[in-house]
Amino acid sequence: MPGLYFVSDIHLGLQDPQAERQKIERLESLFAIIRSQGGALYLLGDILDYWMEYRHVIPKGYSRFLCLLSELTRSGIEVTWLAGNHDFYLGTYFNDELGVKTLYGLQEVRHDGKLFLMAHGDGLGEGELGYKFFANVVRKPFNLGLFTGFHPDLATALMKKLSRLSRAHKKGDTRYESTRLIDFATSLAHERVFDYFVCGHNHAERIQAVNESGCTYVNLGSWIEGQYPYGVYDQGIFQIRKV
């Protein structure tokens, strides 16, 4: 049975041009691996450092990535994107134009007899009250309509500002942030049986059992430190590899 692939927190558009070229080149290599092996790809949020969709405008700066994504889906690979707190509103463009299914929040999929629970990780568990309120308000259709009514240059500048504010907040809360998601997965394992809880968000790469029943927490890490991790589940084994 073809495997499942997972990646998160690439933050395309965040860093200097050389770092951005390296990330795109590694993504191209990863997509080539997936095409050759077959399977499905799950993008677990913050793939872009900022994104707000419009009806008639595509934000500048992601052309090569969008082409790679289109090539992957046209080759028959199923791609699902769970929105993160930086690629905030994905809308319908990725689904309608690129064949990428977009979702929000905690999702689940069964594969090879295993249950995978997946999320970016923002807003889960205790804390992040300000972000939870912000996401709940802004992602409502009426408020999205107001926001996307701004001139795209103004709205993009605002999204960049919000991205920087989100990152500044995380720096001051590193120890709490590094434990919040594994605490959430541990609590979730008391409520239901699953095989893998897969997430990103806090950039802390890890695979760890959370109870004696075999429920496992997986954090995919990030691509902004010069490492290029991705998760792969194949033949009953979940691994984090580097591309």
C-alpha atoms as a PDB file:
ATOM      1  CA  MET A   1       0.000   0.000   0.000  1.00  0.00           C
ATOM      2  CA  PRO A   2       1.391   3.468  -0.899  1.00  0.00           C
ATOM      3  CA  GLY A   3       2.533   5.528   2.054  1.00  0.00           C
ATOM      4  CA  LEU A   4       1.456   8.792   3.641  1.00  0.00           C
ATOM      5  CA  TYR A   5       3.699  11.852   3.652  1.00  0.00           C
ATOM      6  CA  PHE A   6       3.495  14.819   6.015  1.00  0.00           C
ATOM      7  CA  VAL A   7       5.231  18.205   6.140  1.00  0.00           C
ATOM      8  CA  SER A   8       4.608  21.446   8.018  1.00  0.00           C
ATOM      9  CA  ASP A   9       6.089  24.828   8.915  1.00  0.00           C
ATOM     10  CA  ILE A  10       8.051  25.524   5.763  1.00  0.00           C
ATOM     11  CA  HIS A  11       7.200  29.236   6.070  1.00  0.00           C
ATOM     12  CA  LEU A  12       7.810  30.074   2.433  1.00  0.00           C
ATOM     13  CA  GLY A  13       8.383  33.812   2.045  1.00  0.00           C
ATOM     14  CA  LEU A  14       9.914  34.335   5.491  1.00  0.00           C
ATOM     15  CA  GLN A  15      13.656  34.205   4.910  1.00  0.00           C
ATOM     16  CA  ASP A  16      16.368  35.639   2.654  1.00  0.00           C
ATOM     17  CA  PRO A  17      16.382  34.710  -1.072  1.00  0.00           C
ATOM     18  CA  GLN A  18      19.053  32.020  -0.726  1.00  0.00           C
ATOM     19  CA  ALA A  19      17.201  30.238   2.089  1.00  0.00           C
ATOM     20  CA  GLU A  20      13.978  30.462   0.102  1.00  0.00           C
ATOM     21  CA  ARG A  21      15.622  28.932  -2.980  1.00  0.00           C
ATOM     22  CA  GLN A  22      16.932  26.065  -0.861  1.00  0.00           C
ATOM     23  CA  LYS A  23      13.489  25.382   0.561  1.00  0.00           C
ATOM     24  CA  ILE A  24      11.909  25.323  -2.893  1.00  0.00           C
ATOM     25  CA  GLU A  25      14.652  23.021  -4.207  1.00  0.00           C
ATOM     26  CA  ARG A  26      14.131  20.623  -1.286  1.00  0.00           C
ATOM     27  CA  LEU A  27      10.380  20.720  -1.858  1.00  0.00           C
ATOM     28  CA  GLU A  28      10.971  19.832  -5.496  1.00  0.00           C
ATOM     29  CA  SER A  29      13.066  16.851  -4.355  1.00  0.00           C
ATOM     30  CA  LEU A  30      10.408  15.772  -1.850  1.00  0.00           C
ATOM     31  CA  PHE A  31       7.646  15.971  -4.433  1.00  0.00           C
ATOM     32  CA  ALA A  32       9.763  13.869  -6.817  1.00  0.00           C
ATOM     33  CA  ILE A  33      10.090  11.203  -4.099  1.00  0.00           C
ATOM     34  CA  ILE A  34       6.335  11.190  -3.542  1.00  0.00           C
ATOM     35  CA  ARG A  35       5.605  10.934  -7.262  1.00  0.00           C
ATOM     36  CA  SER A  36       7.989   8.008  -7.623  1.00  0.00           C
ATOM     37  CA  GLN A  37       6.668   6.126  -4.580  1.00  0.00           C
ATOM     38  CA  GLY A  38       2.988   7.060  -4.761  1.00  0.00           C
ATOM     39  CA  GLY A  39       0.774   7.809  -1.813  1.00  0.00           C
ATOM     40  CA  ALA A  40      -0.821  10.935  -0.359  1.00  0.00           C
ATOM     41  CA  LEU A  41       0.632  14.173   0.977  1.00  0.00           C
ATOM     42  CA  TYR A  42      -0.653  16.107   3.991  1.00  0.00           C
ATOM     43  CA  LEU A  43       0.502  19.707   4.358  1.00  0.00           C
ATOM     44  CA  LEU A  44      -0.048  20.471   8.042  1.00  0.00           C
ATOM     45  CA  GLY A  45      -0.014  24.232   8.038  1.00  0.00           C
ATOM     46  CA  ASP A  46       2.303  27.240   7.857  1.00  0.00           C
ATOM     47  CA  ILE A  47       3.558  26.076   4.494  1.00  0.00           C
ATOM     48  CA  LEU A  48       3.450  29.759   3.572  1.00  0.00           C
ATOM     49  CA  ASP A  49       4.494  32.471   5.992  1.00  0.00           C
ATOM     50  CA  TYR A  50       1.401  34.468   5.110  1.00  0.00           C
ATOM     51  CA  TRP A  51      -1.553  33.988   2.785  1.00  0.00           C
ATOM     52  CA  MET A  52      -4.927  35.628   2.419  1.00  0.00           C
ATOM     53  CA  GLU A  53      -6.993  34.634  -0.572  1.00  0.00           C
ATOM     54  CA  TYR A  54      -8.900  36.963  -2.892  1.00  0.00           C
ATOM     55  CA  ARG A  55     -11.422  36.296  -5.625  1.00  0.00           C
ATOM     56  CA  HIS A  56      -9.329  37.666  -8.480  1.00  0.00           C
ATOM     57  CA  VAL A  57      -5.800  38.154  -7.101  1.00  0.00           C
ATOM     58  CA  ILE A  58      -3.028  35.644  -6.314  1.00  0.00           C
ATOM     59  CA  PRO A  59      -0.471  37.016  -3.832  1.00  0.00           C
ATOM     60  CA  LYS A  60       2.976  37.553  -5.345  1.00  0.00           C
ATOM     61  CA  GLY A  61       6.004  35.463  -4.410  1.00  0.00           C
ATOM     62  CA  TYR A  62       4.836  31.837  -4.552  1.00  0.00           C
ATOM     63  CA  SER A  63       4.744  31.089  -8.296  1.00  0.00           C
ATOM     64  CA  ARG A  64       7.311  28.282  -8.304  1.00  0.00           C
ATOM     65  CA  PHE A  65       5.698  26.605  -5.307  1.00  0.00           C
ATOM     66  CA  LEU A  66       2.242  26.775  -6.883  1.00  0.00           C
ATOM     67  CA  CYS A  67       3.609  25.214 -10.084  1.00  0.00           C
ATOM     68  CA  LEU A  68       5.224  22.374  -8.115  1.00  0.00           C
ATOM     69  CA  LEU A  69       1.983  21.776  -6.245  1.00  0.00           C
ATOM     70  CA  SER A  70       0.011  21.667  -9.498  1.00  0.00           C
ATOM     71  CA  GLU A  71       2.484  19.198 -11.042  1.00  0.00           C
ATOM     72  CA  LEU A  72       2.137  16.940  -8.012  1.00  0.00           C
ATOM     73  CA  THR A  73      -1.659  16.769  -8.105  1.00  0.00           C
ATOM     74  CA  ARG A  74      -1.703  16.363 -11.899  1.00  0.00           C
ATOM     75  CA  SER A  75       0.537  13.326 -11.469  1.00  0.00           C
ATOM     76  CA  GLY A  76      -2.233  11.696  -9.424  1.00  0.00           C
ATOM     77  CA  ILE A  77      -1.024  12.413  -5.881  1.00  0.00           C
ATOM     78  CA  GLU A  78      -3.784  13.331  -3.430  1.00  0.00           C
ATOM     79  CA  VAL A  79      -2.806  16.472  -1.518  1.00  0.00           C
ATOM     80  CA  THR A  80      -4.608  17.773   1.573  1.00  0.00           C
ATOM     81  CA  TRP A  81      -3.711  21.073   3.230  1.00  0.00           C
ATOM     82  CA  LEU A  82      -4.689  21.850   6.823  1.00  0.00           C
ATOM     83  CA  ALA A  83      -4.472  25.599   7.296  1.00  0.00           C
ATOM     84  CA  GLY A  84      -2.108  26.969   9.926  1.00  0.00           C
ATOM     85  CA  ASN A  85      -1.996  30.304  11.684  1.00  0.00           C
ATOM     86  CA  HIS A  86       0.243  31.836   8.990  1.00  0.00           C
ATOM     87  CA  ASP A  87      -1.433  30.502   5.807  1.00  0.00           C
ATOM     88  CA  PHE A  88      -4.536  31.822   7.474  1.00  0.00           C
ATOM     89  CA  TYR A  89      -7.316  31.643   4.892  1.00  0.00           C
ATOM     90  CA  LEU A  90      -6.876  29.251   1.959  1.00  0.00           C
ATOM     91  CA  GLY A  91     -10.296  29.716   0.368  1.00  0.00           C
ATOM     92  CA  THR A  92     -11.177  27.856  -2.845  1.00  0.00           C
ATOM     93  CA  TYR A  93      -8.222  28.658  -5.121  1.00  0.00           C
ATOM     94  CA  PHE A  94      -6.100  25.676  -4.098  1.00  0.00           C
ATOM     95  CA  ASN A  95      -8.983  23.251  -4.534  1.00  0.00           C
ATOM     96  CA  ASP A  96     -10.451  24.675  -7.742  1.00  0.00           C
ATOM     97  CA  GLU A  97      -7.228  25.559  -9.574  1.00  0.00           C
ATOM     98  CA  LEU A  98      -4.628  23.173  -8.130  1.00  0.00           C
ATOM     99  CA  GLY A  99      -6.641  20.164  -6.980  1.00  0.00           C
ATOM    100  CA  VAL A 100      -5.567  20.538  -3.342  1.00  0.00           C
ATOM    101  CA  LYS A 101      -8.172  19.832  -0.657  1.00  0.00           C
ATOM    102  CA  THR A 102      -8.105  22.482   2.093  1.00  0.00           C
ATOM    103  CA  LEU A 103      -9.325  21.903   5.655  1.00  0.00           C
ATOM    104  CA  TYR A 104      -9.223  23.567   9.064  1.00  0.00           C
ATOM    105  CA  GLY A 105      -8.752  22.273  12.592  1.00  0.00           C
ATOM    106  CA  LEU A 106      -8.362  18.682  13.775  1.00  0.00           C
ATOM    107  CA  GLN A 107      -8.889  16.054  11.059  1.00  0.00           C
ATOM    108  CA  GLU A 108      -8.649  12.281  10.922  1.00  0.00           C
ATOM    109  CA  VAL A 109      -7.891   9.662   8.303  1.00  0.00           C
ATOM    110  CA  ARG A 110      -7.695   5.865   8.418  1.00  0.00           C
ATOM    111  CA  HIS A 111      -4.908   4.223   6.477  1.00  0.00           C
ATOM    112  CA  ASP A 112      -3.550   0.691   6.572  1.00  0.00           C
ATOM    113  CA  GLY A 113      -5.719  -0.061   9.619  1.00  0.00           C
ATOM    114  CA  LYS A 114      -4.295   2.916  11.545  1.00  0.00           C
ATOM    115  CA  LEU A 115      -6.073   6.064  12.737  1.00  0.00           C
ATOM    116  CA  PHE A 116      -4.191   9.312  12.142  1.00  0.00           C
ATOM    117  CA  LEU A 117      -5.351  12.492  13.860  1.00  0.00           C
ATOM    118  CA  MET A 118      -3.850  15.571  12.247  1.00  0.00           C
ATOM    119  CA  ALA A 119      -3.762  19.305  12.864  1.00  0.00           C
ATOM    120  CA  HIS A 120      -1.409  22.215  12.492  1.00  0.00           C
ATOM    121  CA  GLY A 121      -1.557  22.672  16.258  1.00  0.00           C
ATOM    122  CA  ASP A 122      -2.613  26.294  16.636  1.00  0.00           C
ATOM    123  CA  GLY A 123      -5.449  26.781  19.106  1.00  0.00           C
ATOM    124  CA  LEU A 124      -5.383  23.244  20.505  1.00  0.00           C
ATOM    125  CA  GLY A 125      -5.240  22.570  24.224  1.00  0.00           C
ATOM    126  CA  GLU A 126      -5.006  25.179  26.951  1.00  0.00           C
ATOM    127  CA  GLY A 127      -3.900  28.752  26.382  1.00  0.00           C
ATOM    128  CA  GLU A 128      -3.676  30.795  23.158  1.00  0.00           C
ATOM    129  CA  LEU A 129      -6.947  32.494  24.124  1.00  0.00           C
ATOM    130  CA  GLY A 130      -6.158  35.615  22.130  1.00  0.00           C
ATOM    131  CA  TYR A 131      -5.399  33.605  19.001  1.00  0.00           C
ATOM    132  CA  LYS A 132      -8.503  31.436  19.428  1.00  0.00           C
ATOM    133  CA  PHE A 133     -10.677  34.544  19.629  1.00  0.00           C
ATOM    134  CA  PHE A 134      -8.930  36.120  16.639  1.00  0.00           C
ATOM    135  CA  ALA A 135      -9.271  32.998  14.469  1.00  0.00           C
ATOM    136  CA  ASN A 136     -12.915  32.492  15.412  1.00  0.00           C
ATOM    137  CA  VAL A 137     -13.788  36.082  14.546  1.00  0.00           C
ATOM    138  CA  VAL A 138     -11.711  36.621  11.399  1.00  0.00           C
ATOM    139  CA  ARG A 139     -12.513  33.287   9.737  1.00  0.00           C
ATOM    140  CA  LYS A 140     -16.251  33.957   9.805  1.00  0.00           C
ATOM    141  CA  PRO A 141     -17.467  34.518   6.222  1.00  0.00           C
ATOM    142  CA  PHE A 142     -18.783  38.037   6.844  1.00  0.00           C
ATOM    143  CA  ASN A 143     -15.539  39.240   8.419  1.00  0.00           C
ATOM    144  CA  LEU A 144     -13.450  37.543   5.722  1.00  0.00           C
ATOM    145  CA  GLY A 145     -15.486  39.451   3.183  1.00  0.00           C
ATOM    146  CA  LEU A 146     -14.663  42.718   4.912  1.00  0.00           C
ATOM    147  CA  PHE A 147     -10.964  41.899   5.131  1.00  0.00           C
ATOM    148  CA  THR A 148     -10.607  40.812   1.520  1.00  0.00           C
ATOM    149  CA  GLY A 149     -12.373  44.007   0.518  1.00  0.00           C
ATOM    150  CA  PHE A 150      -9.170  45.878   1.391  1.00  0.00           C
ATOM    151  CA  HIS A 151      -6.721  46.663  -1.396  1.00  0.00           C
ATOM    152  CA  PRO A 152      -4.511  43.544  -1.761  1.00  0.00           C
ATOM    153  CA  ASP A 153      -1.303  45.516  -1.071  1.00  0.00           C
ATOM    154  CA  LEU A 154      -2.746  46.828   2.195  1.00  0.00           C
ATOM    155  CA  ALA A 155      -4.103  43.449   3.256  1.00  0.00           C
ATOM    156  CA  THR A 156      -0.824  41.666   2.420  1.00  0.00           C
ATOM    157  CA  ALA A 157       1.117  44.202   4.487  1.00  0.00           C
ATOM    158  CA  LEU A 158      -1.276  43.538   7.364  1.00  0.00           C
ATOM    159  CA  MET A 159      -0.827  39.770   7.023  1.00  0.00           C
ATOM    160  CA  LYS A 160       2.961  40.193   7.156  1.00  0.00           C
ATOM    161  CA  LYS A 161       2.585  42.282  10.300  1.00  0.00           C
ATOM    162  CA  LEU A 162       0.356  39.648  11.922  1.00  0.00           C
ATOM    163  CA  SER A 163       2.886  36.972  10.972  1.00  0.00           C
ATOM    164  CA  ARG A 164       5.660  38.857  12.738  1.00  0.00           C
ATOM    165  CA  LEU A 165       3.466  39.420  15.800  1.00  0.00           C
ATOM    166  CA  SER A 166       2.661  35.705  15.987  1.00  0.00           C
ATOM    167  CA  ARG A 167       6.352  34.797  15.849  1.00  0.00           C
ATOM    168  CA  ALA A 168       7.272  37.404  18.473  1.00  0.00           C
ATOM    169  CA  HIS A 169       4.635  36.013  20.833  1.00  0.00           C
ATOM    170  CA  LYS A 170       5.940  32.461  20.436  1.00  0.00           C
ATOM    171  CA  LYS A 171       9.505  33.461  21.343  1.00  0.00           C
ATOM    172  CA  GLY A 172       8.416  34.576  24.793  1.00  0.00           C
ATOM    173  CA  ASP A 173       6.513  31.386  25.460  1.00  0.00           C
ATOM    174  CA  THR A 174       8.915  28.695  24.245  1.00  0.00           C
ATOM    175  CA  ARG A 175       8.836  26.261  27.181  1.00  0.00           C
ATOM    176  CA  TYR A 176       5.054  26.308  27.415  1.00  0.00           C
ATOM    177  CA  GLU A 177       4.679  26.069  23.659  1.00  0.00           C
ATOM    178  CA  SER A 178       7.007  23.048  23.475  1.00  0.00           C
ATOM    179  CA  THR A 179       4.835  21.044  25.899  1.00  0.00           C
ATOM    180  CA  ARG A 180       1.312  22.242  25.042  1.00  0.00           C
ATOM    181  CA  LEU A 181       0.752  19.983  22.042  1.00  0.00           C
ATOM    182  CA  ILE A 182       2.153  16.816  23.566  1.00  0.00           C
ATOM    183  CA  ASP A 183       0.009  17.546  26.645  1.00  0.00           C
ATOM    184  CA  PHE A 184      -2.985  17.885  24.325  1.00  0.00           C
ATOM    185  CA  ALA A 185      -2.179  14.565  22.621  1.00  0.00           C
ATOM    186  CA  THR A 186      -1.794  12.866  26.003  1.00  0.00           C
ATOM    187  CA  SER A 187      -5.186  14.181  27.146  1.00  0.00           C
ATOM    188  CA  LEU A 188      -6.748  13.141  23.849  1.00  0.00           C
ATOM    189  CA  ALA A 189      -5.419   9.604  24.324  1.00  0.00           C
ATOM    190  CA  HIS A 190      -7.487   9.364  27.520  1.00  0.00           C
ATOM    191  CA  GLU A 191     -10.643  10.150  25.552  1.00  0.00           C
ATOM    192  CA  ARG A 192     -10.218   8.052  22.411  1.00  0.00           C
ATOM    193  CA  VAL A 193      -7.933   5.487  20.837  1.00  0.00           C
ATOM    194  CA  PHE A 194      -5.741   6.598  17.956  1.00  0.00           C
ATOM    195  CA  ASP A 195      -2.448   5.480  16.496  1.00  0.00           C
ATOM    196  CA  TYR A 196      -0.808   8.797  15.589  1.00  0.00           C
ATOM    197  CA  PHE A 197      -1.429  12.436  16.438  1.00  0.00           C
ATOM    198  CA  VAL A 198       0.553  14.403  13.840  1.00  0.00           C
ATOM    199  CA  CYS A 199       1.124  18.152  14.057  1.00  0.00           C
ATOM    200  CA  GLY A 200       3.582  21.005  13.608  1.00  0.00           C
ATOM    201  CA  HIS A 201       3.310  24.601  14.840  1.00  0.00           C
ATOM    202  CA  ASN A 202       5.837  24.665  17.685  1.00  0.00           C
ATOM    203  CA  HIS A 203       8.814  23.643  15.465  1.00  0.00           C
ATOM    204  CA  ALA A 204       9.866  20.957  17.983  1.00  0.00           C
ATOM    205  CA  GLU A 205      10.526  17.753  16.006  1.00  0.00           C
ATOM    206  CA  ARG A 206       9.584  14.652  18.001  1.00  0.00           C
ATOM    207  CA  ILE A 207       8.092  11.148  17.893  1.00  0.00           C
ATOM    208  CA  GLN A 208       6.962   9.913  21.298  1.00  0.00           C
ATOM    209  CA  ALA A 209       4.449   7.427  22.706  1.00  0.00           C
ATOM    210  CA  VAL A 210       1.914   9.134  24.958  1.00  0.00           C
ATOM    211  CA  ASN A 211       0.420   6.062  26.649  1.00  0.00           C
ATOM    212  CA  GLU A 212       0.882   2.333  27.015  1.00  0.00           C
ATOM    213  CA  SER A 213      -1.752   1.600  24.367  1.00  0.00           C
ATOM    214  CA  GLY A 214       0.533   2.778  21.588  1.00  0.00           C
ATOM    215  CA  CYS A 215      -0.895   6.229  20.887  1.00  0.00           C
ATOM    216  CA  THR A 216       1.993   8.205  19.423  1.00  0.00           C
ATOM    217  CA  TYR A 217       2.664  11.934  19.198  1.00  0.00           C
ATOM    218  CA  VAL A 218       4.508  13.205  16.105  1.00  0.00           C
ATOM    219  CA  ASN A 219       5.714  16.768  15.622  1.00  0.00           C
ATOM    220  CA  LEU A 220       7.149  17.418  12.172  1.00  0.00           C
ATOM    221  CA  GLY A 221       9.520  20.249  13.089  1.00  0.00           C
ATOM    222  CA  SER A 222      10.171  23.152  10.712  1.00  0.00           C
ATOM    223  CA  TRP A 223      12.199  24.150   7.649  1.00  0.00           C
ATOM    224  CA  ILE A 224      13.464  27.511   8.870  1.00  0.00           C
ATOM    225  CA  GLU A 225      16.570  26.285  10.707  1.00  0.00           C
ATOM    226  CA  GLY A 226      18.287  24.802   7.645  1.00  0.00           C
ATOM    227  CA  GLN A 227      16.819  21.341   8.206  1.00  0.00           C
ATOM    228  CA  TYR A 228      14.171  19.886   5.897  1.00  0.00           C
ATOM    229  CA  PRO A 229      12.174  17.248   7.807  1.00  0.00           C
ATOM    230  CA  TYR A 230       9.126  15.385   6.593  1.00  0.00           C
ATOM    231  CA  GLY A 231       7.109  12.534   8.026  1.00  0.00           C
ATOM    232  CA  VAL A 232       6.422   9.310   6.200  1.00  0.00           C
ATOM    233  CA  TYR A 233       4.279   6.368   7.202  1.00  0.00           C
ATOM    234  CA  ASP A 234       5.048   3.264   5.170  1.00  0.00           C
ATOM    235  CA  GLN A 235       4.689  -0.469   5.851  1.00  0.00           C
ATOM    236  CA  GLY A 236       3.613   0.040   9.459  1.00  0.00           C
ATOM    237  CA  ILE A 237       6.427   2.409  10.442  1.00  0.00           C
ATOM    238  CA  PHE A 238       6.287   6.180  10.992  1.00  0.00           C
ATOM    239  CA  GLN A 239       9.587   8.000  10.488  1.00  0.00           C
ATOM    240  CA  ILE A 240      10.807  11.588  10.262  1.00  0.00           C
ATOM    241  CA  ARG A 241      13.292  11.891   7.431  1.00  0.00           C
ATOM    242  CA  LYS A 242      15.262  14.763   5.934  1.00  0.00           C
ATOM    243  CA  VAL A 243      15.140  15.667   2.281  1.00  0.00           C
END
